[in-house]
Amino acid sequence: MENQYLHEVAITAIVVKGGKFLITRRSPNKKRFPGTWTVPGGKMETDDYLKLPKDTKDYWYNVLERTLKREVKEEVGIDIENIEYITSLATVHADGAPSLVISCMADYAGGEIKLQQEENDQFAWVTLEEAKTYSLLDGIYDELVMTEKKLKGEKIEWKRFGGS
């Protein structure tokens, strides 16, 4: 396989509110990972920056953060703030599309949960212990552990922490 430069870029948010994390269950009609619990987020689109004025002569800044705020608002109806990087992951999906996912944490900033039904059909605010009882997308539990550690001021890098 020759080297490919174009990746689908996605960004996700582990939303933190009162010591709990927001998880959502992917709708059963989703092409990838139907019925699996995960965290909100989505794909970056060129419209996330192309229609906006550039911040410098050549660049748009905060494009990932803007995408993440838009995706969380669309998918679950809430606002987020204080976005921080957690980790990144890559995969090649069954359809051959290479995908880069940037995982972040963010604070809940307001709004009521209103699920976009074609994306997610259930949600829960969970502690780390409670998260273990859900059928989470592989790797999400580890990201929740990383977020909890980061909230305590620990420096972290992705590894297996246990869970599902």
C-alpha atoms as a PDB file:
ATOM      1  CA  MET A   1       0.000   0.000   0.000  1.00  0.00           C
ATOM      2  CA  GLU A   2       1.481   3.339  -0.978  1.00  0.00           C
ATOM      3  CA  ASN A   3       1.712   6.108   1.587  1.00  0.00           C
ATOM      4  CA  GLN A   4      -1.524   8.085   1.872  1.00  0.00           C
ATOM      5  CA  TYR A   5      -1.549  11.654   3.090  1.00  0.00           C
ATOM      6  CA  LEU A   6      -5.281  12.222   3.321  1.00  0.00           C
ATOM      7  CA  HIS A   7      -6.899  11.029   6.513  1.00  0.00           C
ATOM      8  CA  GLU A   8     -10.425  11.503   7.706  1.00  0.00           C
ATOM      9  CA  VAL A   9      -9.873  13.646  10.823  1.00  0.00           C
ATOM     10  CA  ALA A  10     -12.209  13.265  13.785  1.00  0.00           C
ATOM     11  CA  ILE A  11     -12.157  14.798  17.243  1.00  0.00           C
ATOM     12  CA  THR A  12     -13.891  13.580  20.395  1.00  0.00           C
ATOM     13  CA  ALA A  13     -14.679  15.079  23.792  1.00  0.00           C
ATOM     14  CA  ILE A  14     -14.715  13.483  27.184  1.00  0.00           C
ATOM     15  CA  VAL A  15     -17.094  15.999  28.749  1.00  0.00           C
ATOM     16  CA  VAL A  16     -16.585  16.436  32.487  1.00  0.00           C
ATOM     17  CA  LYS A  17     -19.349  17.636  34.820  1.00  0.00           C
ATOM     18  CA  GLY A  18     -19.309  17.265  38.590  1.00  0.00           C
ATOM     19  CA  GLY A  19     -16.711  14.496  38.557  1.00  0.00           C
ATOM     20  CA  LYS A  20     -18.642  12.448  35.991  1.00  0.00           C
ATOM     21  CA  PHE A  21     -18.084  11.788  32.292  1.00  0.00           C
ATOM     22  CA  LEU A  22     -20.649  11.942  29.497  1.00  0.00           C
ATOM     23  CA  ILE A  23     -20.940   8.763  27.441  1.00  0.00           C
ATOM     24  CA  THR A  24     -23.361   8.140  24.584  1.00  0.00           C
ATOM     25  CA  ARG A  25     -24.589   5.020  22.820  1.00  0.00           C
ATOM     26  CA  ARG A  26     -24.190   5.017  19.044  1.00  0.00           C
ATOM     27  CA  SER A  27     -27.481   4.528  17.204  1.00  0.00           C
ATOM     28  CA  PRO A  28     -28.124   0.997  15.939  1.00  0.00           C
ATOM     29  CA  ASN A  29     -28.185   2.260  12.319  1.00  0.00           C
ATOM     30  CA  LYS A  30     -24.619   3.638  12.439  1.00  0.00           C
ATOM     31  CA  LYS A  31     -22.250   2.088   9.888  1.00  0.00           C
ATOM     32  CA  ARG A  32     -19.330   1.977  12.338  1.00  0.00           C
ATOM     33  CA  PHE A  33     -19.727   0.500  15.846  1.00  0.00           C
ATOM     34  CA  PRO A  34     -23.572   0.509  16.074  1.00  0.00           C
ATOM     35  CA  GLY A  35     -24.999   0.215  19.608  1.00  0.00           C
ATOM     36  CA  THR A  36     -21.614   0.754  21.246  1.00  0.00           C
ATOM     37  CA  TRP A  37     -21.042   3.303  24.023  1.00  0.00           C
ATOM     38  CA  THR A  38     -18.507   6.050  23.328  1.00  0.00           C
ATOM     39  CA  VAL A  39     -18.029   9.809  23.785  1.00  0.00           C
ATOM     40  CA  PRO A  40     -19.395  12.587  21.548  1.00  0.00           C
ATOM     41  CA  GLY A  41     -17.443  13.975  18.627  1.00  0.00           C
ATOM     42  CA  GLY A  42     -17.211  13.802  14.883  1.00  0.00           C
ATOM     43  CA  LYS A  43     -15.384  14.470  11.675  1.00  0.00           C
ATOM     44  CA  MET A  44     -13.741  17.719  10.748  1.00  0.00           C
ATOM     45  CA  GLU A  45     -15.190  19.323   7.624  1.00  0.00           C
ATOM     46  CA  THR A  46     -13.508  21.933   5.467  1.00  0.00           C
ATOM     47  CA  ASP A  47     -16.530  24.189   6.170  1.00  0.00           C
ATOM     48  CA  ASP A  48     -15.288  24.319   9.774  1.00  0.00           C
ATOM     49  CA  TYR A  49     -12.768  26.900   8.566  1.00  0.00           C
ATOM     50  CA  LEU A  50     -12.996  27.704   4.831  1.00  0.00           C
ATOM     51  CA  LYS A  51     -15.932  30.094   5.219  1.00  0.00           C
ATOM     52  CA  LEU A  52     -14.235  31.997   8.037  1.00  0.00           C
ATOM     53  CA  PRO A  53     -11.639  34.769   7.850  1.00  0.00           C
ATOM     54  CA  LYS A  54      -8.072  33.573   8.459  1.00  0.00           C
ATOM     55  CA  ASP A  55      -6.512  34.402  11.812  1.00  0.00           C
ATOM     56  CA  THR A  56      -3.144  35.166  10.237  1.00  0.00           C
ATOM     57  CA  LYS A  57      -2.104  35.777   6.645  1.00  0.00           C
ATOM     58  CA  ASP A  58      -2.062  32.046   5.885  1.00  0.00           C
ATOM     59  CA  TYR A  59      -3.768  30.134   8.700  1.00  0.00           C
ATOM     60  CA  TRP A  60      -6.965  29.451  10.563  1.00  0.00           C
ATOM     61  CA  TYR A  61      -6.426  28.718  14.268  1.00  0.00           C
ATOM     62  CA  ASN A  62      -8.508  26.664  16.725  1.00  0.00           C
ATOM     63  CA  VAL A  63     -10.061  24.621  13.915  1.00  0.00           C
ATOM     64  CA  LEU A  64     -10.166  21.402  15.948  1.00  0.00           C
ATOM     65  CA  GLU A  65     -11.656  23.168  18.957  1.00  0.00           C
ATOM     66  CA  ARG A  66     -14.286  24.827  16.754  1.00  0.00           C
ATOM     67  CA  THR A  67     -15.113  21.464  15.156  1.00  0.00           C
ATOM     68  CA  LEU A  68     -15.407  19.796  18.554  1.00  0.00           C
ATOM     69  CA  LYS A  69     -17.727  22.488  19.929  1.00  0.00           C
ATOM     70  CA  ARG A  70     -19.921  22.190  16.816  1.00  0.00           C
ATOM     71  CA  GLU A  71     -20.029  18.385  16.937  1.00  0.00           C
ATOM     72  CA  VAL A  72     -20.851  18.211  20.664  1.00  0.00           C
ATOM     73  CA  LYS A  73     -23.596  20.842  20.224  1.00  0.00           C
ATOM     74  CA  GLU A  74     -25.076  18.946  17.239  1.00  0.00           C
ATOM     75  CA  GLU A  75     -24.845  15.467  18.792  1.00  0.00           C
ATOM     76  CA  VAL A  76     -25.821  16.087  22.405  1.00  0.00           C
ATOM     77  CA  GLY A  77     -27.063  19.691  22.566  1.00  0.00           C
ATOM     78  CA  ILE A  78     -24.629  21.058  25.147  1.00  0.00           C
ATOM     79  CA  ASP A  79     -21.848  23.632  25.184  1.00  0.00           C
ATOM     80  CA  ILE A  80     -18.284  22.834  26.231  1.00  0.00           C
ATOM     81  CA  GLU A  81     -15.237  24.890  27.227  1.00  0.00           C
ATOM     82  CA  ASN A  82     -11.613  24.463  28.344  1.00  0.00           C
ATOM     83  CA  ILE A  83     -10.743  21.865  25.700  1.00  0.00           C
ATOM     84  CA  GLU A  84      -7.522  19.979  26.431  1.00  0.00           C
ATOM     85  CA  TYR A  85      -5.689  17.299  24.484  1.00  0.00           C
ATOM     86  CA  ILE A  86      -5.742  13.742  25.853  1.00  0.00           C
ATOM     87  CA  THR A  87      -4.401  11.435  23.121  1.00  0.00           C
ATOM     88  CA  SER A  88      -4.610  10.512  19.447  1.00  0.00           C
ATOM     89  CA  LEU A  89      -5.353   7.299  17.614  1.00  0.00           C
ATOM     90  CA  ALA A  90      -5.464   6.088  14.040  1.00  0.00           C
ATOM     91  CA  THR A  91      -7.195   3.258  12.239  1.00  0.00           C
ATOM     92  CA  VAL A  92      -8.034   2.040   8.780  1.00  0.00           C
ATOM     93  CA  HIS A  93     -11.746   1.246   8.653  1.00  0.00           C
ATOM     94  CA  ALA A  94     -13.196  -1.800   6.897  1.00  0.00           C
ATOM     95  CA  ASP A  95     -14.061   0.429   3.907  1.00  0.00           C
ATOM     96  CA  GLY A  96     -10.340   1.295   3.552  1.00  0.00           C
ATOM     97  CA  ALA A  97     -10.661   4.877   4.855  1.00  0.00           C
ATOM     98  CA  PRO A  98      -7.721   5.907   7.071  1.00  0.00           C
ATOM     99  CA  SER A  99      -8.914   7.827  10.108  1.00  0.00           C
ATOM    100  CA  LEU A 100      -7.094   9.979  12.661  1.00  0.00           C
ATOM    101  CA  VAL A 101      -8.968  10.687  15.908  1.00  0.00           C
ATOM    102  CA  ILE A 102      -7.897  13.372  18.356  1.00  0.00           C
ATOM    103  CA  SER A 103      -9.268  12.714  21.829  1.00  0.00           C
ATOM    104  CA  CYS A 104      -9.816  15.660  24.158  1.00  0.00           C
ATOM    105  CA  MET A 105     -11.383  16.460  27.490  1.00  0.00           C
ATOM    106  CA  ALA A 106     -13.638  19.471  28.021  1.00  0.00           C
ATOM    107  CA  ASP A 107     -15.717  21.005  30.774  1.00  0.00           C
ATOM    108  CA  TYR A 108     -19.494  21.070  30.513  1.00  0.00           C
ATOM    109  CA  ALA A 109     -20.423  24.733  29.976  1.00  0.00           C
ATOM    110  CA  GLY A 110     -24.225  24.636  29.788  1.00  0.00           C
ATOM    111  CA  GLY A 111     -27.309  23.410  28.005  1.00  0.00           C
ATOM    112  CA  GLU A 112     -29.612  20.416  28.274  1.00  0.00           C
ATOM    113  CA  ILE A 113     -28.776  17.051  26.752  1.00  0.00           C
ATOM    114  CA  LYS A 114     -30.755  16.634  23.542  1.00  0.00           C
ATOM    115  CA  LEU A 115     -29.552  13.666  21.510  1.00  0.00           C
ATOM    116  CA  GLN A 116     -29.317  13.751  17.727  1.00  0.00           C
ATOM    117  CA  GLN A 117     -31.142  10.433  17.258  1.00  0.00           C
ATOM    118  CA  GLU A 118     -29.399   9.382  14.042  1.00  0.00           C
ATOM    119  CA  GLU A 119     -26.083   9.634  15.941  1.00  0.00           C
ATOM    120  CA  ASN A 120     -26.854   8.490  19.499  1.00  0.00           C
ATOM    121  CA  ASP A 121     -29.883   6.932  21.165  1.00  0.00           C
ATOM    122  CA  GLN A 122     -28.886   6.994  24.875  1.00  0.00           C
ATOM    123  CA  PHE A 123     -26.580   8.912  27.212  1.00  0.00           C
ATOM    124  CA  ALA A 124     -25.289   8.617  30.760  1.00  0.00           C
ATOM    125  CA  TRP A 125     -23.113  10.650  33.132  1.00  0.00           C
ATOM    126  CA  VAL A 126     -20.800   8.072  34.713  1.00  0.00           C
ATOM    127  CA  THR A 127     -17.936   7.714  37.140  1.00  0.00           C
ATOM    128  CA  LEU A 128     -14.941   5.599  36.157  1.00  0.00           C
ATOM    129  CA  GLU A 129     -16.335   2.700  38.197  1.00  0.00           C
ATOM    130  CA  GLU A 130     -19.775   2.990  36.552  1.00  0.00           C
ATOM    131  CA  ALA A 131     -18.190   3.212  33.076  1.00  0.00           C
ATOM    132  CA  LYS A 132     -16.882  -0.355  33.494  1.00  0.00           C
ATOM    133  CA  THR A 133     -20.460  -1.674  33.344  1.00  0.00           C
ATOM    134  CA  TYR A 134     -21.103  -0.255  29.844  1.00  0.00           C
ATOM    135  CA  SER A 135     -20.174  -1.853  26.528  1.00  0.00           C
ATOM    136  CA  LEU A 136     -17.638   0.834  25.610  1.00  0.00           C
ATOM    137  CA  LEU A 137     -15.812   1.183  22.319  1.00  0.00           C
ATOM    138  CA  ASP A 138     -12.389  -0.408  22.818  1.00  0.00           C
ATOM    139  CA  GLY A 139      -9.960   2.180  24.237  1.00  0.00           C
ATOM    140  CA  ILE A 140     -12.582   4.614  25.608  1.00  0.00           C
ATOM    141  CA  TYR A 141     -12.287   3.331  29.186  1.00  0.00           C
ATOM    142  CA  ASP A 142      -8.532   3.930  29.021  1.00  0.00           C
ATOM    143  CA  GLU A 143      -9.193   7.488  27.801  1.00  0.00           C
ATOM    144  CA  LEU A 144     -11.562   8.052  30.740  1.00  0.00           C
ATOM    145  CA  VAL A 145      -8.814   6.886  33.133  1.00  0.00           C
ATOM    146  CA  MET A 146      -6.367   9.261  31.426  1.00  0.00           C
ATOM    147  CA  THR A 147      -8.845  12.131  31.837  1.00  0.00           C
ATOM    148  CA  GLU A 148      -9.311  11.395  35.526  1.00  0.00           C
ATOM    149  CA  LYS A 149      -5.529  11.297  36.006  1.00  0.00           C
ATOM    150  CA  LYS A 150      -5.116  14.565  34.104  1.00  0.00           C
ATOM    151  CA  LEU A 151      -7.799  16.185  36.297  1.00  0.00           C
ATOM    152  CA  LYS A 152      -5.614  15.235  39.290  1.00  0.00           C
ATOM    153  CA  GLY A 153      -2.611  16.914  37.662  1.00  0.00           C
ATOM    154  CA  GLU A 154      -0.840  13.736  36.576  1.00  0.00           C
ATOM    155  CA  LYS A 155       1.092  13.551  33.318  1.00  0.00           C
ATOM    156  CA  ILE A 156      -0.278  10.783  31.167  1.00  0.00           C
ATOM    157  CA  GLU A 157       0.293   8.837  27.984  1.00  0.00           C
ATOM    158  CA  TRP A 158      -2.102   6.247  26.544  1.00  0.00           C
ATOM    159  CA  LYS A 159      -1.767   2.683  27.778  1.00  0.00           C
ATOM    160  CA  ARG A 160      -4.119  -0.084  28.835  1.00  0.00           C
ATOM    161  CA  PHE A 161      -5.617   0.712  32.226  1.00  0.00           C
ATOM    162  CA  GLY A 162      -8.066  -2.210  32.282  1.00  0.00           C
ATOM    163  CA  GLY A 163     -11.831  -2.129  31.910  1.00  0.00           C
ATOM    164  CA  SER A 164     -13.531  -3.337  28.757  1.00  0.00           C
END
